[in-house]
N, C-alpha and C. Protein backbone atom coordinates (compact mmCIF):
# COMPACT_ATOMS: atom_id res chain seq x y z
N MET A 1 0.89 -1.26 0.08
CA MET A 1 -0.09 -0.09 -0.18
C MET A 1 0.74 1.31 0.04
N THR A 2 0.67 2.15 -0.98
CA THR A 2 1.35 3.52 -0.95
C THR A 2 0.77 4.32 -0.24
N LYS A 3 1.78 5.29 0.71
CA LYS A 3 1.28 6.17 1.72
C LYS A 3 0.73 7.36 0.63
N HIS A 4 -0.35 8.12 1.53
CA HIS A 4 -0.92 9.31 0.89
C HIS A 4 -0.20 10.21 0.63
N LYS A 5 -0.15 11.01 -0.54
CA LYS A 5 0.69 11.92 -0.65
C LYS A 5 0.97 13.19 0.39
N ILE A 6 -0.02 13.22 1.02
CA ILE A 6 0.12 14.32 2.08
C ILE A 6 0.99 14.15 3.27
N TYR A 7 1.41 12.84 3.55
CA TYR A 7 2.40 12.26 4.44
C TYR A 7 3.74 12.79 4.48
N THR A 8 3.95 12.85 2.98
CA THR A 8 5.40 13.05 2.83
C THR A 8 5.53 14.54 2.29
N MET A 9 4.27 15.18 2.36
CA MET A 9 4.62 16.51 2.01
C MET A 9 5.01 17.53 3.25
N SER A 10 5.99 18.38 3.09
CA SER A 10 6.41 19.06 4.54
C SER A 10 5.28 19.85 5.04
N PHE A 11 5.25 19.72 6.45
CA PHE A 11 4.27 20.55 7.01
C PHE A 11 4.15 21.95 6.72
N ALA A 12 5.62 22.40 6.66
CA ALA A 12 5.86 24.14 6.19
C ALA A 12 5.34 24.37 5.04
N SER A 13 5.19 23.21 3.83
CA SER A 13 4.54 23.67 2.71
C SER A 13 3.06 24.00 2.89
N VAL A 14 2.38 23.54 3.72
CA VAL A 14 0.81 23.70 4.23
C VAL A 14 0.38 24.85 4.81
N TYR A 15 1.44 24.89 5.99
CA TYR A 15 1.40 25.94 7.04
C TYR A 15 0.82 27.19 6.54
N PRO A 16 1.71 27.96 5.44
CA PRO A 16 0.95 29.34 5.03
C PRO A 16 -0.20 29.40 4.37
N HIS A 17 -1.01 27.90 3.88
CA HIS A 17 -2.08 28.00 3.43
C HIS A 17 -3.27 27.83 4.82
N TYR A 18 -2.63 27.41 5.71
CA TYR A 18 -3.70 27.56 7.16
C TYR A 18 -3.80 28.70 7.52
N VAL A 19 -2.41 29.64 7.67
CA VAL A 19 -2.79 30.84 8.08
C VAL A 19 -3.41 31.91 7.21
N THR A 20 -3.20 31.50 5.76
CA THR A 20 -4.03 32.64 4.81
C THR A 20 -5.64 32.39 4.96
N LYS A 21 -6.06 30.88 5.04
CA LYS A 21 -7.32 30.99 5.28
C LYS A 21 -7.97 31.66 6.51
N ALA A 22 -7.24 31.43 7.80
CA ALA A 22 -7.59 32.02 8.95
C ALA A 22 -7.78 33.66 8.71
N GLU A 23 -6.58 33.97 8.15
CA GLU A 23 -6.21 35.46 8.00
C GLU A 23 -7.47 36.12 6.96
N LYS A 24 -7.78 35.60 5.81
CA LYS A 24 -8.93 35.81 5.06
C LYS A 24 -10.49 36.06 5.98
N LYS A 25 -10.25 35.39 7.14
CA LYS A 25 -11.61 35.41 7.73
C LYS A 25 -11.40 36.52 9.08
N GLY A 26 -10.03 37.45 8.88
CA GLY A 26 -10.15 38.19 9.97
C GLY A 26 -9.50 37.46 11.44
N ARG A 27 -8.99 36.03 11.14
CA ARG A 27 -8.15 35.68 12.55
C ARG A 27 -7.00 35.74 12.33
N THR A 28 -5.90 35.41 13.19
CA THR A 28 -4.47 35.51 13.09
C THR A 28 -3.55 34.28 13.05
N LYS A 29 -2.40 34.49 12.55
CA LYS A 29 -1.55 33.31 12.90
C LYS A 29 -1.05 33.05 13.96
N THR A 30 -1.13 33.96 14.97
CA THR A 30 -0.91 33.64 16.55
C THR A 30 -2.08 32.47 16.76
N GLU A 31 -3.36 32.50 16.33
CA GLU A 31 -4.49 31.82 16.44
C GLU A 31 -4.34 30.30 15.94
N VAL A 32 -3.67 30.27 14.69
CA VAL A 32 -3.25 29.05 14.01
C VAL A 32 -2.41 28.46 14.83
N ASP A 33 -1.45 29.17 15.54
CA ASP A 33 -0.39 28.30 16.31
C ASP A 33 -0.72 28.05 17.36
N GLU A 34 -1.81 28.79 18.01
CA GLU A 34 -2.14 28.23 19.27
C GLU A 34 -3.01 26.92 19.22
N ILE A 35 -3.74 26.65 17.95
CA ILE A 35 -4.35 25.46 17.64
C ILE A 35 -3.49 24.34 17.41
N ILE A 36 -2.20 24.67 16.66
CA ILE A 36 -1.43 23.56 16.68
C ILE A 36 -0.63 23.28 17.60
N ARG A 37 -0.21 24.19 18.46
CA ARG A 37 0.29 23.79 19.74
C ARG A 37 -0.64 22.96 20.78
N TRP A 38 -1.71 23.51 20.60
CA TRP A 38 -2.58 22.58 21.82
C TRP A 38 -3.24 21.07 21.07
N LEU A 39 -3.19 21.01 19.55
CA LEU A 39 -3.23 19.49 19.43
C LEU A 39 -1.74 19.04 19.50
N THR A 40 -0.82 19.43 19.15
CA THR A 40 0.42 18.61 19.26
C THR A 40 1.19 18.49 20.54
N GLY A 41 1.14 19.48 21.35
CA GLY A 41 1.86 19.70 22.50
C GLY A 41 3.18 20.37 22.31
N TYR A 42 3.43 20.43 20.86
CA TYR A 42 4.67 21.52 20.54
C TYR A 42 4.90 22.88 21.22
N SER A 43 6.06 23.40 21.51
CA SER A 43 6.03 24.73 22.00
C SER A 43 6.08 25.72 20.90
N GLN A 44 6.00 27.04 21.15
CA GLN A 44 6.22 28.00 19.68
C GLN A 44 7.39 27.55 19.18
N LYS A 45 8.50 27.36 19.93
CA LYS A 45 9.93 27.13 19.31
C LYS A 45 9.90 25.85 18.51
N GLU A 46 9.45 24.91 19.42
CA GLU A 46 9.61 23.35 18.87
C GLU A 46 8.74 23.52 17.54
N LEU A 47 7.53 24.13 17.10
CA LEU A 47 6.90 24.58 16.16
C LEU A 47 7.54 25.34 15.09
N GLU A 48 8.18 26.32 15.23
CA GLU A 48 9.16 26.82 14.31
C GLU A 48 10.27 26.44 13.87
N GLU A 49 10.75 25.40 14.68
CA GLU A 49 11.86 24.26 14.28
C GLU A 49 11.33 23.53 13.34
N GLN A 50 10.16 22.72 13.73
CA GLN A 50 9.45 21.74 12.63
C GLN A 50 9.38 22.85 11.20
N LEU A 51 8.92 23.93 11.29
CA LEU A 51 8.77 24.40 9.94
C LEU A 51 10.12 24.70 9.33
N GLU A 52 10.91 25.29 10.08
CA GLU A 52 12.33 25.33 9.36
C GLU A 52 12.83 24.01 8.86
N GLN A 53 12.59 23.04 9.33
CA GLN A 53 13.50 21.59 9.16
C GLN A 53 12.47 20.94 8.18
N GLN A 54 11.57 21.85 7.49
CA GLN A 54 10.47 21.20 6.32
C GLN A 54 10.37 19.92 6.84
N THR A 55 9.46 19.41 7.97
CA THR A 55 9.23 18.16 8.32
C THR A 55 8.00 17.70 7.74
N ASP A 56 7.89 16.38 7.32
CA ASP A 56 6.81 16.03 6.69
C ASP A 56 5.82 15.94 7.59
N PHE A 57 4.48 15.83 7.13
CA PHE A 57 3.12 15.23 8.20
C PHE A 57 3.42 14.38 8.81
N GLU A 58 3.63 13.16 8.31
CA GLU A 58 3.96 11.84 9.02
C GLU A 58 4.94 12.04 10.23
N THR A 59 5.92 12.59 10.00
CA THR A 59 6.99 12.79 10.91
C THR A 59 6.58 14.00 11.81
N PHE A 60 6.03 15.17 11.58
CA PHE A 60 5.42 15.89 12.39
C PHE A 60 4.32 15.61 13.30
N PHE A 61 3.69 14.83 13.06
CA PHE A 61 2.50 14.21 14.10
C PHE A 61 3.24 12.91 14.99
N ALA A 62 3.96 12.23 14.18
CA ALA A 62 4.71 10.92 14.83
C ALA A 62 5.80 11.60 16.25
N GLU A 63 6.28 12.97 15.86
CA GLU A 63 7.34 13.21 16.82
C GLU A 63 6.52 14.40 17.92
N ALA A 64 5.27 14.57 17.73
CA ALA A 64 4.65 15.54 18.60
C ALA A 64 4.83 15.16 19.98
N PRO A 65 5.19 16.22 20.87
CA PRO A 65 5.28 15.55 22.12
C PRO A 65 4.35 15.14 22.96
N GLN A 66 3.06 15.96 22.53
CA GLN A 66 1.66 15.12 23.50
C GLN A 66 0.44 15.69 22.77
N LEU A 67 0.34 14.62 21.98
CA LEU A 67 -1.18 15.03 21.22
C LEU A 67 -2.26 14.96 22.41
N ASN A 68 -2.96 15.92 22.10
CA ASN A 68 -4.19 16.63 22.96
C ASN A 68 -4.92 15.42 23.26
N PRO A 69 -5.38 14.84 24.42
CA PRO A 69 -6.36 13.86 24.69
C PRO A 69 -7.77 14.43 24.17
N SER A 70 -8.10 15.57 24.29
CA SER A 70 -9.47 16.12 24.11
C SER A 70 -9.70 16.23 22.46
N ARG A 71 -8.67 15.95 21.67
CA ARG A 71 -8.81 16.08 20.17
C ARG A 71 -9.82 15.05 19.78
N THR A 72 -9.98 13.77 20.47
CA THR A 72 -10.96 12.90 20.04
C THR A 72 -12.51 13.60 20.35
N LEU A 73 -12.88 14.66 20.72
CA LEU A 73 -14.00 15.14 20.95
C LEU A 73 -14.27 16.14 19.52
N ILE A 74 -13.08 16.19 18.90
CA ILE A 74 -13.50 16.81 17.19
C ILE A 74 -14.09 16.03 16.58
N LYS A 75 -15.38 16.42 15.97
CA LYS A 75 -16.22 15.44 15.24
C LYS A 75 -16.44 16.53 14.04
N GLY A 76 -17.22 15.66 13.08
CA GLY A 76 -17.63 16.29 11.97
C GLY A 76 -17.16 15.68 10.93
N VAL A 77 -17.44 16.60 9.35
CA VAL A 77 -16.73 16.14 8.18
C VAL A 77 -15.93 17.18 7.70
N ILE A 78 -14.98 16.52 7.00
CA ILE A 78 -13.71 17.51 6.48
C ILE A 78 -13.36 16.79 5.48
N CYS A 79 -13.41 17.56 4.29
CA CYS A 79 -13.09 16.98 2.77
C CYS A 79 -14.15 15.63 2.48
N GLY A 80 -15.06 15.95 2.81
CA GLY A 80 -16.31 14.88 2.52
C GLY A 80 -15.82 13.79 3.09
N VAL A 81 -15.30 13.60 4.17
CA VAL A 81 -15.24 12.51 5.06
C VAL A 81 -15.34 12.63 6.59
N ARG A 82 -16.18 11.74 7.41
CA ARG A 82 -16.60 11.78 8.67
C ARG A 82 -15.10 11.48 9.48
N ILE A 83 -14.42 12.55 10.28
CA ILE A 83 -13.56 12.13 11.01
C ILE A 83 -13.48 11.19 11.84
N GLU A 84 -14.46 10.82 12.54
CA GLU A 84 -14.67 9.60 13.42
C GLU A 84 -14.39 8.47 12.60
N GLU A 85 -14.79 8.27 11.23
CA GLU A 85 -14.62 7.04 10.77
C GLU A 85 -13.30 6.96 9.90
N ILE A 86 -12.38 7.82 9.91
CA ILE A 86 -10.88 7.63 9.26
C ILE A 86 -10.35 6.42 10.37
N GLU A 87 -9.65 5.53 9.95
CA GLU A 87 -9.17 4.40 10.68
C GLU A 87 -7.56 4.83 10.80
N GLU A 88 -6.77 5.32 9.75
CA GLU A 88 -5.45 5.58 9.84
C GLU A 88 -5.28 6.70 10.48
N GLN A 89 -4.33 6.68 11.51
CA GLN A 89 -4.27 7.47 12.91
C GLN A 89 -3.43 8.75 12.27
N THR A 90 -2.51 8.52 11.31
CA THR A 90 -1.73 9.80 11.12
C THR A 90 -2.70 10.47 10.13
N MET A 91 -3.90 10.08 9.24
CA MET A 91 -4.73 10.96 8.32
C MET A 91 -5.66 11.43 9.50
N LYS A 92 -6.23 10.89 10.58
CA LYS A 92 -6.97 11.44 11.54
C LYS A 92 -6.79 12.61 12.27
N GLU A 93 -5.06 12.64 12.45
CA GLU A 93 -4.41 13.74 13.10
C GLU A 93 -4.44 14.96 12.19
N ILE A 94 -4.06 14.68 11.00
CA ILE A 94 -4.38 15.97 10.03
C ILE A 94 -5.66 16.44 9.87
N ARG A 95 -6.42 15.56 9.54
CA ARG A 95 -7.67 15.76 9.67
C ARG A 95 -8.31 16.80 10.85
N TYR A 96 -8.18 16.44 11.86
CA TYR A 96 -8.26 17.05 13.23
C TYR A 96 -7.71 18.51 12.95
N LEU A 97 -6.49 18.65 12.60
CA LEU A 97 -6.02 20.03 12.48
C LEU A 97 -6.80 20.72 11.32
N ASP A 98 -7.01 20.04 10.11
CA ASP A 98 -8.15 21.12 9.35
C ASP A 98 -9.16 21.05 9.73
N LYS A 99 -10.07 20.30 10.41
CA LYS A 99 -11.25 20.64 10.92
C LYS A 99 -11.25 21.90 12.24
N MET A 100 -10.20 21.90 12.68
CA MET A 100 -9.81 22.98 13.71
C MET A 100 -9.69 24.48 12.99
N ILE A 101 -8.89 24.36 12.15
CA ILE A 101 -8.42 25.42 10.94
C ILE A 101 -9.70 26.01 10.24
N ASP A 102 -10.71 24.76 9.97
CA ASP A 102 -11.91 25.55 9.29
C ASP A 102 -12.83 26.01 10.72
N GLU A 103 -12.68 25.58 11.44
CA GLU A 103 -13.64 26.34 12.45
C GLU A 103 -13.17 27.44 12.89
N LEU A 104 -11.91 27.88 12.90
CA LEU A 104 -11.14 29.14 13.19
C LEU A 104 -11.73 30.06 12.31
N ALA A 105 -11.74 29.46 10.74
CA ALA A 105 -12.01 30.46 9.60
C ALA A 105 -13.38 30.73 9.87
N LYS A 106 -14.38 30.01 10.30
CA LYS A 106 -15.66 30.07 10.17
C LYS A 106 -16.28 31.06 11.36
N GLY A 107 -15.12 31.36 12.12
CA GLY A 107 -15.63 32.39 13.24
C GLY A 107 -15.92 31.71 14.58
N LYS A 108 -15.53 30.49 14.64
CA LYS A 108 -15.83 29.96 16.20
C LYS A 108 -14.91 30.43 17.17
N ALA A 109 -15.38 30.44 18.41
CA ALA A 109 -14.47 31.34 19.49
C ALA A 109 -13.55 30.27 19.74
N MET A 110 -12.32 30.50 19.98
CA MET A 110 -11.27 29.61 20.31
C MET A 110 -11.53 28.99 21.33
N GLU A 111 -12.30 29.29 22.41
CA GLU A 111 -12.55 28.32 23.67
C GLU A 111 -13.41 27.12 23.22
N LYS A 112 -14.14 27.25 22.11
CA LYS A 112 -14.76 26.03 21.31
C LYS A 112 -14.00 25.17 20.69
N ILE A 113 -13.29 25.83 19.60
CA ILE A 113 -12.08 25.34 18.94
C ILE A 113 -11.50 24.45 19.62
N LEU A 114 -10.53 24.72 20.84
CA LEU A 114 -9.87 24.26 21.78
C LEU A 114 -10.83 23.11 22.48
N ARG A 115 -11.92 22.97 22.40
CA ARG A 115 -12.56 21.94 23.34
C ARG A 115 -12.56 22.40 24.60
N ALA A 116 -12.48 23.57 24.87
CA ALA A 116 -12.35 23.86 26.65
C ALA A 116 -13.75 23.64 27.23
């Protein structure tokens, strides 16, 4: 079985798209970073290092210091697929992030996005 193309893409190549999507809707890069840190447990410095190193998505999530246990509260459909039905764990982590960025762009409050 071949890996999905996104696994080998660098996180840094997609990151600007997350920021642009948020900023187009009046949100900030700081909020995008906060979501990523909440989800993965990376510090801001560690996140910036991952971006500089052009880490691929698979490694980015595999090396995440502490995946947030509350991330399983993220439900719904992203890219036409129900998150709860995704079996491959790395893809599920990527879709959690996509869903959170979508919620940010749709104007949802940060405490709701971060499942507080």
